Amino acid sequence: MTWLLLAGAILSEVTASLSLKAALTQPALYVLVVAGYLASFSLLAVVLRRGMPLGVAYGVWGASGVVLTALLSTLLFAEPFTALMGIGIVLVAAGVMVVELGSQRAHAAEDPGSPSSSSAPSAAAPGPAAALATATSEIPVVDPYQEDSR
């Protein structure tokens, strides 16, 4: 259900963005622009209230909006679509997938009993942040105002 709400937020945002372009020649469409953005942000807020991480929700919402708007503006407004734009869309989609996978791993690491916890890093091999924290915790701290007791 949360993903369905996010899809609604994405479609509302894309509708509002496309209507913004069309409203330049048909000002009555500004009503659709405002309604679309209000609906989009309201649905996005509901998605966040339901517990989806902000990075995932905003990443999917923003990236999907960019991709759909670029594709639909080509069809609706005859805007150019180049191979370089296509590569950019593939990279955006890949980036969103990486963010989602990272979020799933983070949740699995927090909940060791979850079925996806096998994909989480093991305690024997800490991530880079944990390794850095461990390494720096062993560095002695010297107080420059304390007399040398040697």
C-alpha atoms as a PDB file:
ATOM      1  CA  MET A   1       0.000   0.000   0.000  1.00  0.00           C
ATOM      2  CA  THR A   2       2.860   2.397   0.805  1.00  0.00           C
ATOM      3  CA  TRP A   3       4.401   1.835  -2.623  1.00  0.00           C
ATOM      4  CA  LEU A   4       1.012   2.483  -4.219  1.00  0.00           C
ATOM      5  CA  LEU A   5       0.784   5.799  -2.373  1.00  0.00           C
ATOM      6  CA  LEU A   6       4.290   6.664  -3.552  1.00  0.00           C
ATOM      7  CA  ALA A   7       3.255   5.849  -7.133  1.00  0.00           C
ATOM      8  CA  GLY A   8       0.323   8.250  -6.689  1.00  0.00           C
ATOM      9  CA  ALA A   9       2.704  10.943  -5.433  1.00  0.00           C
ATOM     10  CA  ILE A  10       4.948  10.400  -8.456  1.00  0.00           C
ATOM     11  CA  LEU A  11       2.081  10.513 -10.957  1.00  0.00           C
ATOM     12  CA  SER A  12       0.665  13.649  -9.309  1.00  0.00           C
ATOM     13  CA  GLU A  13       4.043  15.375  -9.508  1.00  0.00           C
ATOM     14  CA  VAL A  14       4.571  14.388 -13.145  1.00  0.00           C
ATOM     15  CA  THR A  15       1.061  15.571 -14.030  1.00  0.00           C
ATOM     16  CA  ALA A  16       1.734  18.899 -12.313  1.00  0.00           C
ATOM     17  CA  SER A  17       5.090  19.340 -14.060  1.00  0.00           C
ATOM     18  CA  LEU A  18       3.693  18.544 -17.494  1.00  0.00           C
ATOM     19  CA  SER A  19       0.725  20.821 -16.821  1.00  0.00           C
ATOM     20  CA  LEU A  20       3.137  23.611 -15.936  1.00  0.00           C
ATOM     21  CA  LYS A  21       4.588  23.463 -19.448  1.00  0.00           C
ATOM     22  CA  ALA A  22       1.107  23.331 -21.014  1.00  0.00           C
ATOM     23  CA  ALA A  23      -0.128  26.176 -18.801  1.00  0.00           C
ATOM     24  CA  LEU A  24       2.233  28.542 -20.570  1.00  0.00           C
ATOM     25  CA  THR A  25      -0.193  28.576 -23.483  1.00  0.00           C
ATOM     26  CA  GLN A  26      -3.359  27.532 -21.593  1.00  0.00           C
ATOM     27  CA  PRO A  27      -3.355  29.413 -18.250  1.00  0.00           C
ATOM     28  CA  ALA A  28      -6.397  27.520 -16.937  1.00  0.00           C
ATOM     29  CA  LEU A  29      -4.067  24.539 -16.415  1.00  0.00           C
ATOM     30  CA  TYR A  30      -2.377  26.345 -13.507  1.00  0.00           C
ATOM     31  CA  VAL A  31      -5.209  24.913 -11.381  1.00  0.00           C
ATOM     32  CA  LEU A  32      -3.986  21.420 -12.294  1.00  0.00           C
ATOM     33  CA  VAL A  33      -0.401  22.452 -11.521  1.00  0.00           C
ATOM     34  CA  VAL A  34      -1.290  23.551  -7.985  1.00  0.00           C
ATOM     35  CA  ALA A  35      -3.598  20.571  -7.365  1.00  0.00           C
ATOM     36  CA  GLY A  36      -0.972  18.138  -8.673  1.00  0.00           C
ATOM     37  CA  TYR A  37       1.816  19.473  -6.483  1.00  0.00           C
ATOM     38  CA  LEU A  38      -0.446  19.601  -3.418  1.00  0.00           C
ATOM     39  CA  ALA A  39      -1.535  16.015  -3.996  1.00  0.00           C
ATOM     40  CA  SER A  40       2.031  14.901  -4.620  1.00  0.00           C
ATOM     41  CA  PHE A  41       3.475  16.411  -1.447  1.00  0.00           C
ATOM     42  CA  SER A  42       0.495  15.239   0.606  1.00  0.00           C
ATOM     43  CA  LEU A  43       0.896  11.665  -0.631  1.00  0.00           C
ATOM     44  CA  LEU A  44       4.655  11.829  -0.073  1.00  0.00           C
ATOM     45  CA  ALA A  45       4.025  12.921   3.520  1.00  0.00           C
ATOM     46  CA  VAL A  46       1.687   9.952   4.032  1.00  0.00           C
ATOM     47  CA  VAL A  47       4.359   7.619   2.645  1.00  0.00           C
ATOM     48  CA  LEU A  48       6.871   9.011   5.136  1.00  0.00           C
ATOM     49  CA  ARG A  49       4.365   8.698   8.006  1.00  0.00           C
ATOM     50  CA  ARG A  50       3.926   5.039   7.081  1.00  0.00           C
ATOM     51  CA  GLY A  51       7.616   4.496   7.785  1.00  0.00           C
ATOM     52  CA  MET A  52       9.366   4.555   4.415  1.00  0.00           C
ATOM     53  CA  PRO A  53      12.851   6.042   4.861  1.00  0.00           C
ATOM     54  CA  LEU A  54      13.169   9.574   3.520  1.00  0.00           C
ATOM     55  CA  GLY A  55      16.158   8.731   1.300  1.00  0.00           C
ATOM     56  CA  VAL A  56      14.249   5.934  -0.384  1.00  0.00           C
ATOM     57  CA  ALA A  57      10.935   7.775  -0.722  1.00  0.00           C
ATOM     58  CA  TYR A  58      12.463  11.006  -1.989  1.00  0.00           C
ATOM     59  CA  GLY A  59      14.942   9.187  -4.218  1.00  0.00           C
ATOM     60  CA  VAL A  60      12.285   7.081  -5.904  1.00  0.00           C
ATOM     61  CA  TRP A  61       9.860  10.022  -6.092  1.00  0.00           C
ATOM     62  CA  GLY A  62      12.394  12.448  -7.547  1.00  0.00           C
ATOM     63  CA  ALA A  63      14.115  10.052  -9.914  1.00  0.00           C
ATOM     64  CA  SER A  64      10.891   8.542 -11.210  1.00  0.00           C
ATOM     65  CA  GLY A  65       9.510  12.019 -11.718  1.00  0.00           C
ATOM     66  CA  VAL A  66      12.547  13.035 -13.759  1.00  0.00           C
ATOM     67  CA  VAL A  67      12.400   9.908 -15.906  1.00  0.00           C
ATOM     68  CA  LEU A  68       8.648  10.050 -16.559  1.00  0.00           C
ATOM     69  CA  THR A  69       8.662  13.788 -17.195  1.00  0.00           C
ATOM     70  CA  ALA A  70      11.534  13.497 -19.686  1.00  0.00           C
ATOM     71  CA  LEU A  71       9.845  10.649 -21.545  1.00  0.00           C
ATOM     72  CA  LEU A  72       6.362  12.156 -21.553  1.00  0.00           C
ATOM     73  CA  SER A  73       7.563  15.636 -22.522  1.00  0.00           C
ATOM     74  CA  THR A  74       9.113  14.029 -25.592  1.00  0.00           C
ATOM     75  CA  LEU A  75       5.755  12.514 -26.523  1.00  0.00           C
ATOM     76  CA  LEU A  76       3.477  15.405 -25.525  1.00  0.00           C
ATOM     77  CA  PHE A  77       5.586  18.442 -26.409  1.00  0.00           C
ATOM     78  CA  ALA A  78       7.911  17.001 -29.091  1.00  0.00           C
ATOM     79  CA  GLU A  79      10.936  17.879 -26.971  1.00  0.00           C
ATOM     80  CA  PRO A  80      14.186  16.256 -28.073  1.00  0.00           C
ATOM     81  CA  PHE A  81      15.335  12.974 -26.578  1.00  0.00           C
ATOM     82  CA  THR A  82      18.973  12.115 -27.181  1.00  0.00           C
ATOM     83  CA  ALA A  83      21.067   9.036 -26.539  1.00  0.00           C
ATOM     84  CA  LEU A  84      22.871  10.941 -23.792  1.00  0.00           C
ATOM     85  CA  MET A  85      19.523  11.630 -22.107  1.00  0.00           C
ATOM     86  CA  GLY A  86      18.741   7.921 -22.363  1.00  0.00           C
ATOM     87  CA  ILE A  87      22.026   7.081 -20.643  1.00  0.00           C
ATOM     88  CA  GLY A  88      21.180   9.594 -17.927  1.00  0.00           C
ATOM     89  CA  ILE A  89      17.802   7.951 -17.373  1.00  0.00           C
ATOM     90  CA  VAL A  90      19.442   4.532 -17.045  1.00  0.00           C
ATOM     91  CA  LEU A  91      21.911   5.973 -14.512  1.00  0.00           C
ATOM     92  CA  VAL A  92      19.095   7.603 -12.524  1.00  0.00           C
ATOM     93  CA  ALA A  93      17.190   4.317 -12.411  1.00  0.00           C
ATOM     94  CA  ALA A  94      20.328   2.447 -11.346  1.00  0.00           C
ATOM     95  CA  GLY A  95      20.989   5.013  -8.619  1.00  0.00           C
ATOM     96  CA  VAL A  96      17.492   4.594  -7.203  1.00  0.00           C
ATOM     97  CA  MET A  97      17.935   0.823  -7.176  1.00  0.00           C
ATOM     98  CA  VAL A  98      21.213   1.153  -5.277  1.00  0.00           C
ATOM     99  CA  VAL A  99      19.595   3.451  -2.698  1.00  0.00           C
ATOM    100  CA  GLU A 100      16.720   0.992  -2.221  1.00  0.00           C
ATOM    101  CA  LEU A 101      19.093  -1.972  -1.859  1.00  0.00           C
ATOM    102  CA  GLY A 102      21.179  -0.028   0.639  1.00  0.00           C
ATOM    103  CA  SER A 103      18.063   0.758   2.636  1.00  0.00           C
ATOM    104  CA  GLN A 104      17.051  -2.894   2.670  1.00  0.00           C
ATOM    105  CA  ARG A 105      20.505  -3.892   3.931  1.00  0.00           C
ATOM    106  CA  ALA A 106      20.380  -1.261   6.646  1.00  0.00           C
ATOM    107  CA  HIS A 107      17.005  -2.555   7.837  1.00  0.00           C
ATOM    108  CA  ALA A 108      18.283  -6.126   7.740  1.00  0.00           C
ATOM    109  CA  ALA A 109      21.293  -5.145   9.853  1.00  0.00           C
ATOM    110  CA  GLU A 110      18.995  -3.501  12.426  1.00  0.00           C
ATOM    111  CA  ASP A 111      16.749  -6.568  12.573  1.00  0.00           C
ATOM    112  CA  PRO A 112      18.924  -9.701  12.636  1.00  0.00           C
ATOM    113  CA  GLY A 113      15.863 -11.961  12.691  1.00  0.00           C
ATOM    114  CA  SER A 114      14.518 -10.709   9.369  1.00  0.00           C
ATOM    115  CA  PRO A 115      14.656 -13.005   6.327  1.00  0.00           C
ATOM    116  CA  SER A 116      16.869 -10.568   4.410  1.00  0.00           C
ATOM    117  CA  SER A 117      19.416 -10.323   7.204  1.00  0.00           C
ATOM    118  CA  SER A 118      21.669 -12.802   5.411  1.00  0.00           C
ATOM    119  CA  SER A 119      22.554 -10.006   2.978  1.00  0.00           C
ATOM    120  CA  ALA A 120      23.646  -7.731   5.812  1.00  0.00           C
ATOM    121  CA  PRO A 121      27.336  -7.406   6.590  1.00  0.00           C
ATOM    122  CA  SER A 122      28.508  -9.831   9.236  1.00  0.00           C
ATOM    123  CA  ALA A 123      29.797  -8.747  12.629  1.00  0.00           C
ATOM    124  CA  ALA A 124      33.158 -10.301  11.759  1.00  0.00           C
ATOM    125  CA  ALA A 125      33.570  -7.889   8.849  1.00  0.00           C
ATOM    126  CA  PRO A 126      32.516  -4.418  10.007  1.00  0.00           C
ATOM    127  CA  GLY A 127      31.739  -1.742   7.483  1.00  0.00           C
ATOM    128  CA  PRO A 128      34.144   1.140   6.834  1.00  0.00           C
ATOM    129  CA  ALA A 129      32.559   3.441   9.416  1.00  0.00           C
ATOM    130  CA  ALA A 130      32.771   0.816  12.161  1.00  0.00           C
ATOM    131  CA  ALA A 131      36.361  -0.015  11.232  1.00  0.00           C
ATOM    132  CA  LEU A 132      37.321   3.670  11.333  1.00  0.00           C
ATOM    133  CA  ALA A 133      35.627   4.152  14.700  1.00  0.00           C
ATOM    134  CA  THR A 134      37.448   1.135  16.111  1.00  0.00           C
ATOM    135  CA  ALA A 135      40.787   2.250  14.705  1.00  0.00           C
ATOM    136  CA  THR A 136      40.483   5.822  15.964  1.00  0.00           C
ATOM    137  CA  SER A 137      39.311   4.764  19.418  1.00  0.00           C
ATOM    138  CA  GLU A 138      42.775   3.297  19.994  1.00  0.00           C
ATOM    139  CA  ILE A 139      44.576   6.576  19.253  1.00  0.00           C
ATOM    140  CA  PRO A 140      45.744   8.146  22.532  1.00  0.00           C
ATOM    141  CA  VAL A 141      44.475  11.620  23.256  1.00  0.00           C
ATOM    142  CA  VAL A 142      47.099  14.062  24.515  1.00  0.00           C
ATOM    143  CA  ASP A 143      46.061  17.059  26.588  1.00  0.00           C
ATOM    144  CA  PRO A 144      48.470  19.878  25.704  1.00  0.00           C
ATOM    145  CA  TYR A 145      47.715  21.669  28.977  1.00  0.00           C
ATOM    146  CA  GLN A 146      48.643  18.743  31.167  1.00  0.00           C
ATOM    147  CA  GLU A 147      52.205  18.577  32.445  1.00  0.00           C
ATOM    148  CA  ASP A 148      54.389  15.825  31.116  1.00  0.00           C
ATOM    149  CA  SER A 149      54.597  13.184  33.849  1.00  0.00           C
ATOM    150  CA  ARG A 150      57.504  11.237  32.343  1.00  0.00           C
END
